[in-house]
Amino acid sequence: MELKGLFLLALTLGVGAFVYFVLRREQAVRAARRAGFLSSAEGLFEGRRLQMQPSGFPRLAGWHEGEEFDLQVVADSLTLRKLPALWVLVSIPVPLPTGATVNVMLRPTGLESFSNFGQLPVQIPVPPGFPEDCAIRSDAPGAVPFEAAIREVLGAVDERRLKEILVTPKGVRLVFLAEEAHRGRYLIFRDAEMGRLPLPPARLAPFLAAAKRLRRAVLQETGGKVE
């Protein structure tokens, strides 16, 4: 092989190795960022249990102000959305003495992969004073179950971030928008990476408090024991 050919081969191999190194380093940085998305919020919980989900985002369980919480992070990159979104599911998975399930979905698209909203059989008319862009489904006909408790949640958190309110016999859940993909990077480069910075505790705390109040209001309404 001529000297020029050897030089080109070496250059090609060198460039390839450099690109491979850069990509591997970027993957490692991205994985570390995702894994640490709830790191700033961990201090809000006692008895923390942390596990990594297939998406690379963490799932955190623990006790906060006397309630047992479960936090899941769900990345939604469906192309039909204006921008990919990162949702946080705040659950208190403690059974409630109710036979009814009610789900309030704000700005429904029918593509909420984190929710079983569409599987509930009964569409309930939205009461006056509820957000105009919400839909309510249940497994029982009639008025909105636990309407007063749900109204309290709507008034206690940032409605622009709130996505879902769920009450079931298995517990309660609130879903809120943690962040959206950067518009410029997504529109130009289709870069949907989210979770570059940890979730601020101040963004999470109001939803923890609202979920706690929701569960206790449901207990009071159903005659259950309030701890």
C-alpha atoms as a PDB file:
ATOM      1  CA  MET A   1       0.000   0.000   0.000  1.00  0.00           C
ATOM      2  CA  GLU A   2       1.315   3.418  -0.898  1.00  0.00           C
ATOM      3  CA  LEU A   3       2.351   5.829   1.813  1.00  0.00           C
ATOM      4  CA  LYS A   4      -0.527   8.151   0.915  1.00  0.00           C
ATOM      5  CA  GLY A   5      -3.028   5.308   1.289  1.00  0.00           C
ATOM      6  CA  LEU A   6      -1.601   4.356   4.677  1.00  0.00           C
ATOM      7  CA  PHE A   7      -1.883   7.967   5.791  1.00  0.00           C
ATOM      8  CA  LEU A   8      -5.534   8.195   4.698  1.00  0.00           C
ATOM      9  CA  LEU A   9      -6.341   4.904   6.420  1.00  0.00           C
ATOM     10  CA  ALA A  10      -4.733   6.070   9.638  1.00  0.00           C
ATOM     11  CA  LEU A  11      -6.561   9.386   9.424  1.00  0.00           C
ATOM     12  CA  THR A  12      -9.891   7.659   8.855  1.00  0.00           C
ATOM     13  CA  LEU A  13      -9.340   5.298  11.770  1.00  0.00           C
ATOM     14  CA  GLY A  14      -8.292   8.201  13.971  1.00  0.00           C
ATOM     15  CA  VAL A  15     -11.356  10.252  13.119  1.00  0.00           C
ATOM     16  CA  GLY A  16     -13.583   7.235  13.663  1.00  0.00           C
ATOM     17  CA  ALA A  17     -12.031   6.537  17.057  1.00  0.00           C
ATOM     18  CA  PHE A  18     -12.434  10.183  18.073  1.00  0.00           C
ATOM     19  CA  VAL A  19     -16.108  10.249  17.035  1.00  0.00           C
ATOM     20  CA  TYR A  20     -16.710   6.992  18.901  1.00  0.00           C
ATOM     21  CA  PHE A  21     -15.064   8.427  22.030  1.00  0.00           C
ATOM     22  CA  VAL A  22     -17.142  11.617  21.858  1.00  0.00           C
ATOM     23  CA  LEU A  23     -20.376   9.685  21.391  1.00  0.00           C
ATOM     24  CA  ARG A  24     -19.621   7.321  24.274  1.00  0.00           C
ATOM     25  CA  ARG A  25     -18.756  10.251  26.518  1.00  0.00           C
ATOM     26  CA  GLU A  26     -21.979  12.047  25.574  1.00  0.00           C
ATOM     27  CA  GLN A  27     -23.992   8.889  26.273  1.00  0.00           C
ATOM     28  CA  ALA A  28     -22.372   8.586  29.707  1.00  0.00           C
ATOM     29  CA  VAL A  29     -23.083  12.231  30.524  1.00  0.00           C
ATOM     30  CA  ARG A  30     -26.681  11.882  29.360  1.00  0.00           C
ATOM     31  CA  ALA A  31     -27.176   8.723  31.408  1.00  0.00           C
ATOM     32  CA  ALA A  32     -25.756  10.407  34.522  1.00  0.00           C
ATOM     33  CA  ARG A  33     -28.041  13.410  34.074  1.00  0.00           C
ATOM     34  CA  ARG A  34     -31.116  11.235  33.736  1.00  0.00           C
ATOM     35  CA  ALA A  35     -30.185   9.092  36.716  1.00  0.00           C
ATOM     36  CA  GLY A  36     -29.764  12.203  38.843  1.00  0.00           C
ATOM     37  CA  PHE A  37     -32.998  13.902  37.849  1.00  0.00           C
ATOM     38  CA  LEU A  38     -34.559  13.418  41.306  1.00  0.00           C
ATOM     39  CA  SER A  39     -31.327  13.900  43.252  1.00  0.00           C
ATOM     40  CA  SER A  40     -32.227  17.388  44.499  1.00  0.00           C
ATOM     41  CA  ALA A  41     -35.645  16.191  45.664  1.00  0.00           C
ATOM     42  CA  GLU A  42     -34.375  13.157  47.578  1.00  0.00           C
ATOM     43  CA  GLY A  43     -33.918  15.248  50.707  1.00  0.00           C
ATOM     44  CA  LEU A  44     -37.699  15.665  50.954  1.00  0.00           C
ATOM     45  CA  PHE A  45     -38.118  11.958  51.748  1.00  0.00           C
ATOM     46  CA  GLU A  46     -37.226   9.547  54.518  1.00  0.00           C
ATOM     47  CA  GLY A  47     -36.664   5.840  54.019  1.00  0.00           C
ATOM     48  CA  ARG A  48     -35.823   6.460  50.379  1.00  0.00           C
ATOM     49  CA  ARG A  49     -35.874   3.599  47.869  1.00  0.00           C
ATOM     50  CA  LEU A  50     -34.456   4.374  44.447  1.00  0.00           C
ATOM     51  CA  GLN A  51     -34.447   2.300  41.295  1.00  0.00           C
ATOM     52  CA  MET A  52     -33.604   3.040  37.678  1.00  0.00           C
ATOM     53  CA  GLN A  53     -36.247   2.600  35.008  1.00  0.00           C
ATOM     54  CA  PRO A  54     -35.496   1.329  31.480  1.00  0.00           C
ATOM     55  CA  SER A  55     -35.688   4.937  30.278  1.00  0.00           C
ATOM     56  CA  GLY A  56     -32.708   5.796  32.491  1.00  0.00           C
ATOM     57  CA  PHE A  57     -34.823   8.048  34.720  1.00  0.00           C
ATOM     58  CA  PRO A  58     -35.171   7.149  38.411  1.00  0.00           C
ATOM     59  CA  ARG A  59     -38.177   5.982  40.379  1.00  0.00           C
ATOM     60  CA  LEU A  60     -38.227   7.176  43.972  1.00  0.00           C
ATOM     61  CA  ALA A  61     -40.299   5.916  46.897  1.00  0.00           C
ATOM     62  CA  GLY A  62     -40.223   7.168  50.456  1.00  0.00           C
ATOM     63  CA  TRP A  63     -42.035   8.953  53.269  1.00  0.00           C
ATOM     64  CA  HIS A  64     -42.819  12.652  53.240  1.00  0.00           C
ATOM     65  CA  GLU A  65     -44.635  14.321  56.134  1.00  0.00           C
ATOM     66  CA  GLY A  66     -46.261  11.088  57.246  1.00  0.00           C
ATOM     67  CA  GLU A  67     -47.352   9.847  53.814  1.00  0.00           C
ATOM     68  CA  GLU A  68     -45.782   7.148  51.667  1.00  0.00           C
ATOM     69  CA  PHE A  69     -45.083   8.438  48.158  1.00  0.00           C
ATOM     70  CA  ASP A  70     -44.042   6.892  44.886  1.00  0.00           C
ATOM     71  CA  LEU A  71     -42.532   9.130  42.183  1.00  0.00           C
ATOM     72  CA  GLN A  72     -42.118   8.069  38.574  1.00  0.00           C
ATOM     73  CA  VAL A  73     -40.589  10.058  35.722  1.00  0.00           C
ATOM     74  CA  VAL A  74     -42.027   9.466  32.253  1.00  0.00           C
ATOM     75  CA  ALA A  75     -40.585  10.892  29.042  1.00  0.00           C
ATOM     76  CA  ASP A  76     -43.183  11.509  26.339  1.00  0.00           C
ATOM     77  CA  SER A  77     -41.589  12.020  22.936  1.00  0.00           C
ATOM     78  CA  LEU A  78     -44.603  11.306  20.729  1.00  0.00           C
ATOM     79  CA  THR A  79     -44.162  13.277  17.534  1.00  0.00           C
ATOM     80  CA  LEU A  80     -47.754  14.536  17.591  1.00  0.00           C
ATOM     81  CA  ARG A  81     -46.928  16.722  20.584  1.00  0.00           C
ATOM     82  CA  LYS A  82     -45.713  20.245  19.929  1.00  0.00           C
ATOM     83  CA  LEU A  83     -42.717  19.471  22.119  1.00  0.00           C
ATOM     84  CA  PRO A  84     -41.635  16.293  23.908  1.00  0.00           C
ATOM     85  CA  ALA A  85     -42.505  16.434  27.594  1.00  0.00           C
ATOM     86  CA  LEU A  86     -41.191  15.040  30.845  1.00  0.00           C
ATOM     87  CA  TRP A  87     -43.938  14.082  33.283  1.00  0.00           C
ATOM     88  CA  VAL A  88     -43.662  13.325  36.991  1.00  0.00           C
ATOM     89  CA  LEU A  89     -46.239  10.964  38.487  1.00  0.00           C
ATOM     90  CA  VAL A  90     -46.774  11.698  42.189  1.00  0.00           C
ATOM     91  CA  SER A  91     -48.634   8.795  43.797  1.00  0.00           C
ATOM     92  CA  ILE A  92     -49.694   7.861  47.302  1.00  0.00           C
ATOM     93  CA  PRO A  93     -50.251   4.122  46.710  1.00  0.00           C
ATOM     94  CA  VAL A  94     -52.241   3.489  49.885  1.00  0.00           C
ATOM     95  CA  PRO A  95     -55.723   1.881  49.522  1.00  0.00           C
ATOM     96  CA  LEU A  96     -58.796   4.062  50.012  1.00  0.00           C
ATOM     97  CA  PRO A  97     -62.263   2.925  51.189  1.00  0.00           C
ATOM     98  CA  THR A  98     -63.977   3.797  47.921  1.00  0.00           C
ATOM     99  CA  GLY A  99     -65.373   1.750  45.088  1.00  0.00           C
ATOM    100  CA  ALA A 100     -65.246   4.629  42.627  1.00  0.00           C
ATOM    101  CA  THR A 101     -62.475   5.762  40.321  1.00  0.00           C
ATOM    102  CA  VAL A 102     -62.373   9.290  38.955  1.00  0.00           C
ATOM    103  CA  ASN A 103     -59.837  10.754  36.562  1.00  0.00           C
ATOM    104  CA  VAL A 104     -59.540  14.436  35.656  1.00  0.00           C
ATOM    105  CA  MET A 105     -57.321  14.999  32.619  1.00  0.00           C
ATOM    106  CA  LEU A 106     -56.290  18.531  31.692  1.00  0.00           C
ATOM    107  CA  ARG A 107     -55.687  19.283  28.025  1.00  0.00           C
ATOM    108  CA  PRO A 108     -56.353  15.666  26.948  1.00  0.00           C
ATOM    109  CA  THR A 109     -54.875  14.482  23.652  1.00  0.00           C
ATOM    110  CA  GLY A 110     -55.720  10.785  23.828  1.00  0.00           C
ATOM    111  CA  LEU A 111     -51.994  10.025  23.730  1.00  0.00           C
ATOM    112  CA  GLU A 112     -51.263  10.083  27.472  1.00  0.00           C
ATOM    113  CA  SER A 113     -49.206   6.873  27.655  1.00  0.00           C
ATOM    114  CA  PHE A 114     -48.852   7.153  31.437  1.00  0.00           C
ATOM    115  CA  SER A 115     -52.623   7.039  32.036  1.00  0.00           C
ATOM    116  CA  ASN A 116     -55.584   4.674  31.723  1.00  0.00           C
ATOM    117  CA  PHE A 117     -57.916   7.636  31.296  1.00  0.00           C
ATOM    118  CA  GLY A 118     -59.377   6.371  28.036  1.00  0.00           C
ATOM    119  CA  GLN A 119     -60.292   3.000  29.533  1.00  0.00           C
ATOM    120  CA  LEU A 120     -62.754   4.426  32.050  1.00  0.00           C
ATOM    121  CA  PRO A 121     -66.252   3.870  30.638  1.00  0.00           C
ATOM    122  CA  VAL A 122     -68.180   6.945  31.822  1.00  0.00           C
ATOM    123  CA  GLN A 123     -67.632  10.476  30.520  1.00  0.00           C
ATOM    124  CA  ILE A 124     -68.803  12.966  33.161  1.00  0.00           C
ATOM    125  CA  PRO A 125     -69.827  16.550  32.326  1.00  0.00           C
ATOM    126  CA  VAL A 126     -67.318  19.098  33.570  1.00  0.00           C
ATOM    127  CA  PRO A 127     -68.769  21.024  36.543  1.00  0.00           C
ATOM    128  CA  PRO A 128     -68.843  24.836  36.531  1.00  0.00           C
ATOM    129  CA  GLY A 129     -65.593  26.326  37.736  1.00  0.00           C
ATOM    130  CA  PHE A 130     -63.419  23.477  36.507  1.00  0.00           C
ATOM    131  CA  PRO A 131     -60.847  24.229  33.785  1.00  0.00           C
ATOM    132  CA  GLU A 132     -62.524  24.467  30.407  1.00  0.00           C
ATOM    133  CA  ASP A 133     -59.818  22.346  28.775  1.00  0.00           C
ATOM    134  CA  CYS A 134     -60.274  19.309  31.021  1.00  0.00           C
ATOM    135  CA  ALA A 135     -62.182  16.052  30.669  1.00  0.00           C
ATOM    136  CA  ILE A 136     -63.478  13.785  33.423  1.00  0.00           C
ATOM    137  CA  ARG A 137     -63.992  10.048  33.274  1.00  0.00           C
ATOM    138  CA  SER A 138     -65.093   7.553  35.892  1.00  0.00           C
ATOM    139  CA  ASP A 139     -66.262   3.977  36.307  1.00  0.00           C
ATOM    140  CA  ALA A 140     -69.545   5.094  37.880  1.00  0.00           C
ATOM    141  CA  PRO A 141     -72.266   7.346  36.428  1.00  0.00           C
ATOM    142  CA  GLY A 142     -73.470  10.425  38.250  1.00  0.00           C
ATOM    143  CA  ALA A 143     -71.813  13.509  39.658  1.00  0.00           C
ATOM    144  CA  VAL A 144     -68.044  13.897  39.887  1.00  0.00           C
ATOM    145  CA  PRO A 145     -66.834  11.754  42.785  1.00  0.00           C
ATOM    146  CA  PHE A 146     -64.923  13.758  45.394  1.00  0.00           C
ATOM    147  CA  GLU A 147     -65.587  17.024  43.564  1.00  0.00           C
ATOM    148  CA  ALA A 148     -64.712  19.252  46.533  1.00  0.00           C
ATOM    149  CA  ALA A 149     -61.383  17.487  47.084  1.00  0.00           C
ATOM    150  CA  ILE A 150     -60.516  17.800  43.395  1.00  0.00           C
ATOM    151  CA  ARG A 151     -61.408  21.493  43.382  1.00  0.00           C
ATOM    152  CA  GLU A 152     -58.977  21.997  46.247  1.00  0.00           C
ATOM    153  CA  VAL A 153     -56.177  20.431  44.211  1.00  0.00           C
ATOM    154  CA  LEU A 154     -56.976  22.641  41.218  1.00  0.00           C
ATOM    155  CA  GLY A 155     -56.628  25.709  43.415  1.00  0.00           C
ATOM    156  CA  ALA A 156     -53.473  24.562  45.189  1.00  0.00           C
ATOM    157  CA  VAL A 157     -51.049  23.911  42.315  1.00  0.00           C
ATOM    158  CA  ASP A 158     -49.945  25.534  39.085  1.00  0.00           C
ATOM    159  CA  GLU A 159     -52.744  24.575  36.705  1.00  0.00           C
ATOM    160  CA  ARG A 160     -50.445  25.150  33.727  1.00  0.00           C
ATOM    161  CA  ARG A 161     -48.245  22.276  34.913  1.00  0.00           C
ATOM    162  CA  LEU A 162     -50.945  20.009  36.299  1.00  0.00           C
ATOM    163  CA  LYS A 163     -51.939  17.267  33.858  1.00  0.00           C
ATOM    164  CA  GLU A 164     -53.936  14.638  35.742  1.00  0.00           C
ATOM    165  CA  ILE A 165     -55.798  14.054  39.013  1.00  0.00           C
ATOM    166  CA  LEU A 166     -56.613  10.441  39.782  1.00  0.00           C
ATOM    167  CA  VAL A 167     -58.493   8.883  42.706  1.00  0.00           C
ATOM    168  CA  THR A 168     -58.880   5.097  42.839  1.00  0.00           C
ATOM    169  CA  PRO A 169     -59.417   2.409  45.484  1.00  0.00           C
ATOM    170  CA  LYS A 170     -55.633   1.867  45.267  1.00  0.00           C
ATOM    171  CA  GLY A 171     -54.715   5.461  46.121  1.00  0.00           C
ATOM    172  CA  VAL A 172     -54.309   8.896  44.567  1.00  0.00           C
ATOM    173  CA  ARG A 173     -52.055  10.310  41.878  1.00  0.00           C
ATOM    174  CA  LEU A 174     -51.192  13.720  40.486  1.00  0.00           C
ATOM    175  CA  VAL A 175     -49.266  14.103  37.230  1.00  0.00           C
ATOM    176  CA  PHE A 176     -47.458  17.312  36.384  1.00  0.00           C
ATOM    177  CA  LEU A 177     -45.190  18.653  33.675  1.00  0.00           C
ATOM    178  CA  ALA A 178     -41.602  18.820  34.858  1.00  0.00           C
ATOM    179  CA  GLU A 179     -40.220  20.295  31.641  1.00  0.00           C
ATOM    180  CA  GLU A 180     -40.429  20.291  27.865  1.00  0.00           C
ATOM    181  CA  ALA A 181     -37.665  19.737  25.343  1.00  0.00           C
ATOM    182  CA  HIS A 182     -35.742  22.838  24.318  1.00  0.00           C
ATOM    183  CA  ARG A 183     -37.695  24.288  21.397  1.00  0.00           C
ATOM    184  CA  GLY A 184     -34.697  25.334  19.305  1.00  0.00           C
ATOM    185  CA  ARG A 185     -32.737  22.107  19.694  1.00  0.00           C
ATOM    186  CA  TYR A 186     -35.843  20.030  19.000  1.00  0.00           C
ATOM    187  CA  LEU A 187     -37.101  21.952  15.957  1.00  0.00           C
ATOM    188  CA  ILE A 188     -33.659  22.205  14.323  1.00  0.00           C
ATOM    189  CA  PHE A 189     -31.840  19.050  15.434  1.00  0.00           C
ATOM    190  CA  ARG A 190     -34.784  16.896  16.675  1.00  0.00           C
ATOM    191  CA  ASP A 191     -32.964  16.742  20.009  1.00  0.00           C
ATOM    192  CA  ALA A 192     -35.610  15.672  22.543  1.00  0.00           C
ATOM    193  CA  GLU A 193     -33.243  15.183  25.466  1.00  0.00           C
ATOM    194  CA  MET A 194     -34.736  16.351  28.776  1.00  0.00           C
ATOM    195  CA  GLY A 195     -33.699  16.150  32.393  1.00  0.00           C
ATOM    196  CA  ARG A 196     -30.411  17.940  31.910  1.00  0.00           C
ATOM    197  CA  LEU A 197     -30.819  19.524  35.347  1.00  0.00           C
ATOM    198  CA  PRO A 198     -32.295  17.961  38.510  1.00  0.00           C
ATOM    199  CA  LEU A 199     -35.926  18.638  39.332  1.00  0.00           C
ATOM    200  CA  PRO A 200     -36.092  21.591  41.764  1.00  0.00           C
ATOM    201  CA  PRO A 201     -37.630  20.592  45.124  1.00  0.00           C
ATOM    202  CA  ALA A 202     -39.703  23.784  45.040  1.00  0.00           C
ATOM    203  CA  ARG A 203     -41.418  22.562  41.864  1.00  0.00           C
ATOM    204  CA  LEU A 204     -42.229  19.175  43.378  1.00  0.00           C
ATOM    205  CA  ALA A 205     -43.283  20.221  46.889  1.00  0.00           C
ATOM    206  CA  PRO A 206     -46.701  21.759  46.016  1.00  0.00           C
ATOM    207  CA  PHE A 207     -47.756  18.534  44.301  1.00  0.00           C
ATOM    208  CA  LEU A 208     -46.685  16.442  47.284  1.00  0.00           C
ATOM    209  CA  ALA A 209     -48.767  18.642  49.562  1.00  0.00           C
ATOM    210  CA  ALA A 210     -51.756  18.601  47.197  1.00  0.00           C
ATOM    211  CA  ALA A 211     -51.669  14.799  46.861  1.00  0.00           C
ATOM    212  CA  LYS A 212     -51.563  14.478  50.640  1.00  0.00           C
ATOM    213  CA  ARG A 213     -54.560  16.804  51.059  1.00  0.00           C
ATOM    214  CA  LEU A 214     -56.439  14.991  48.291  1.00  0.00           C
ATOM    215  CA  ARG A 215     -56.044  11.620  49.972  1.00  0.00           C
ATOM    216  CA  ARG A 216     -57.101  12.942  53.369  1.00  0.00           C
ATOM    217  CA  ALA A 217     -60.122  14.730  51.903  1.00  0.00           C
ATOM    218  CA  VAL A 218     -61.228  11.500  50.224  1.00  0.00           C
ATOM    219  CA  LEU A 219     -60.782   9.643  53.522  1.00  0.00           C
ATOM    220  CA  GLN A 220     -62.916  12.191  55.321  1.00  0.00           C
ATOM    221  CA  GLU A 221     -65.628  12.019  52.664  1.00  0.00           C
ATOM    222  CA  THR A 222     -65.729   8.221  52.708  1.00  0.00           C
ATOM    223  CA  GLY A 223     -65.587   7.911  56.488  1.00  0.00           C
ATOM    224  CA  GLY A 224     -62.119   6.404  56.489  1.00  0.00           C
ATOM    225  CA  LYS A 225     -59.567   6.883  59.219  1.00  0.00           C
ATOM    226  CA  VAL A 226     -57.356   9.947  58.772  1.00  0.00           C
ATOM    227  CA  GLU A 227     -53.915   9.335  60.237  1.00  0.00           C
END
